[in-house]
C-alpha atoms as a PDB file:
ATOM      1  CA  MET A   1       1.189 -17.758  -7.246  1.00  0.00           C
ATOM      2  CA  PRO A   2      -2.351 -17.699  -7.670  1.00  0.00           C
ATOM      3  CA  ALA A   3      -3.242 -15.716 -11.278  1.00  0.00           C
ATOM      4  CA  ASN A   4      -4.896 -12.698 -11.581  1.00  0.00           C
ATOM      5  CA  VAL A   5      -3.994 -11.063  -8.262  1.00  0.00           C
ATOM      6  CA  SER A   6      -3.106  -7.374  -7.500  1.00  0.00           C
ATOM      7  CA  VAL A   7       0.578  -6.432  -6.792  1.00  0.00           C
ATOM      8  CA  TYR A   8      -0.554  -6.130  -3.288  1.00  0.00           C
ATOM      9  CA  LEU A   9      -1.940  -9.457  -2.893  1.00  0.00           C
ATOM     10  CA  GLU A  10       1.322 -10.772  -5.075  1.00  0.00           C
ATOM     11  CA  SER A  11       3.543  -9.081  -2.482  1.00  0.00           C
ATOM     12  CA  LEU A  12       1.861 -10.407   0.692  1.00  0.00           C
ATOM     13  CA  TRP A  13       1.826 -13.738  -1.021  1.00  0.00           C
ATOM     14  CA  TYR A  14       5.707 -13.957  -1.471  1.00  0.00           C
ATOM     15  CA  ASP A  15       5.954 -12.770   2.003  1.00  0.00           C
ATOM     16  CA  GLY A  16       3.483 -15.506   3.228  1.00  0.00           C
ATOM     17  CA  LYS A  17       5.966 -18.409   1.353  1.00  0.00           C
ATOM     18  CA  GLY A  18       8.586 -16.948   3.250  1.00  0.00           C
ATOM     19  CA  ASP A  19      10.057 -14.943   0.621  1.00  0.00           C
ATOM     20  CA  TRP A  20      10.765 -11.416   1.582  1.00  0.00           C
ATOM     21  CA  ASP A  21      12.959 -10.284  -1.165  1.00  0.00           C
ATOM     22  CA  LYS A  22      10.219 -11.094  -3.830  1.00  0.00           C
ATOM     23  CA  SER A  23       7.882  -9.626  -1.765  1.00  0.00           C
ATOM     24  CA  HIS A  24       9.693  -6.689  -1.547  1.00  0.00           C
ATOM     25  CA  THR A  25      10.826  -6.345  -5.055  1.00  0.00           C
ATOM     26  CA  ALA A  26       6.836  -6.532  -5.970  1.00  0.00           C
ATOM     27  CA  ILE A  27       5.897  -3.551  -3.992  1.00  0.00           C
ATOM     28  CA  GLN A  28       9.078  -1.389  -3.652  1.00  0.00           C
ATOM     29  CA  ASP A  29       8.251   0.693  -7.062  1.00  0.00           C
ATOM     30  CA  VAL A  30       4.518   0.756  -6.793  1.00  0.00           C
ATOM     31  CA  GLU A  31       3.813   4.673  -5.198  1.00  0.00           C
ATOM     32  CA  ASP A  32       0.395   4.959  -3.396  1.00  0.00           C
ATOM     33  CA  LYS A  33      -0.494   4.388   0.202  1.00  0.00           C
ATOM     34  CA  SER A  34      -1.344   0.888   0.073  1.00  0.00           C
ATOM     35  CA  ALA A  35       2.171   0.118  -1.243  1.00  0.00           C
ATOM     36  CA  ALA A  36       3.635   2.345   1.417  1.00  0.00           C
ATOM     37  CA  TRP A  37       1.849   0.243   4.096  1.00  0.00           C
ATOM     38  CA  ILE A  38       3.184  -3.289   2.719  1.00  0.00           C
ATOM     39  CA  HIS A  39       6.448  -1.608   2.518  1.00  0.00           C
ATOM     40  CA  ALA A  40       6.259  -0.562   6.094  1.00  0.00           C
ATOM     41  CA  TYR A  41       5.016  -4.116   7.069  1.00  0.00           C
ATOM     42  CA  LEU A  42       8.127  -5.871   5.435  1.00  0.00           C
ATOM     43  CA  HIS A  43      10.577  -3.403   6.762  1.00  0.00           C
ATOM     44  CA  ARG A  44       9.211  -3.953  10.272  1.00  0.00           C
ATOM     45  CA  LYS A  45       9.186  -7.835   9.618  1.00  0.00           C
ATOM     46  CA  GLU A  46      13.272  -6.956   8.565  1.00  0.00           C
ATOM     47  CA  GLY A  47      13.608  -4.926  11.924  1.00  0.00           C
ATOM     48  CA  ASP A  48      14.533  -1.918   9.805  1.00  0.00           C
ATOM     49  CA  ILE A  49      12.168   0.007  12.667  1.00  0.00           C
ATOM     50  CA  TRP A  50      13.283   3.343  11.294  1.00  0.00           C
ATOM     51  CA  ASN A  51      12.473   2.492   7.634  1.00  0.00           C
ATOM     52  CA  ALA A  52       9.095   0.833   8.382  1.00  0.00           C
ATOM     53  CA  ASP A  53       8.186   4.106  10.553  1.00  0.00           C
ATOM     54  CA  TYR A  54       9.146   6.048   7.188  1.00  0.00           C
ATOM     55  CA  TRP A  55       6.899   3.795   4.965  1.00  0.00           C
ATOM     56  CA  TYR A  56       4.030   3.699   7.501  1.00  0.00           C
ATOM     57  CA  ASN A  57       4.553   7.552   7.501  1.00  0.00           C
ATOM     58  CA  ARG A  58       3.803   7.606   3.756  1.00  0.00           C
ATOM     59  CA  ALA A  59       0.639   5.391   4.063  1.00  0.00           C
ATOM     60  CA  GLY A  60      -0.799   7.450   6.579  1.00  0.00           C
ATOM     61  CA  LYS A  61      -0.579   4.929   9.392  1.00  0.00           C
ATOM     62  CA  LYS A  62       1.273   4.252  13.028  1.00  0.00           C
ATOM     63  CA  ARG A  63       3.321   1.166  13.364  1.00  0.00           C
ATOM     64  CA  PRO A  64       0.692  -1.118  14.964  1.00  0.00           C
ATOM     65  CA  ALA A  65       1.320  -2.885  18.463  1.00  0.00           C
ATOM     66  CA  THR A  66       0.089  -5.906  16.902  1.00  0.00           C
ATOM     67  CA  SER A  67       2.101  -9.279  15.895  1.00  0.00           C
ATOM     68  CA  LEU A  68       3.549  -9.326  12.276  1.00  0.00           C
ATOM     69  CA  GLN A  69       1.330 -11.993  11.810  1.00  0.00           C
ATOM     70  CA  GLU A  70      -1.519 -10.287  13.062  1.00  0.00           C
ATOM     71  CA  GLU A  71      -0.755  -7.555  10.621  1.00  0.00           C
ATOM     72  CA  TRP A  72       0.220  -9.335   7.642  1.00  0.00           C
ATOM     73  CA  GLU A  73      -3.465 -11.048   8.198  1.00  0.00           C
ATOM     74  CA  ASN A  74      -4.585  -7.690   8.448  1.00  0.00           C
ATOM     75  CA  LEU A  75      -3.239  -6.477   5.182  1.00  0.00           C
ATOM     76  CA  VAL A  76      -4.575  -9.708   3.579  1.00  0.00           C
ATOM     77  CA  LYS A  77      -8.063  -9.058   4.606  1.00  0.00           C
ATOM     78  CA  GLU A  78      -7.687  -5.383   3.496  1.00  0.00           C
ATOM     79  CA  PHE A  79      -6.507  -6.501  -0.411  1.00  0.00           C
ATOM     80  CA  LEU A  80      -8.927  -9.348  -0.824  1.00  0.00           C
END
């Protein structure tokens, strides 16, 4: 993993490498709207839509109609 990245980019980096568990572990205990958005994305990717919608709500967002890849890219751009 690249050095000196935020927890948000750390989580997204692990997800981009195909390690959902490490991505989730990195973000699950961070309690702000940014982390909730990543948490929502991860549960959407997992297929747990009810849980994803709970986290989107905590993030103040609605579940996007975009692909998972597009959402991941939007998240990365947001936190770079």
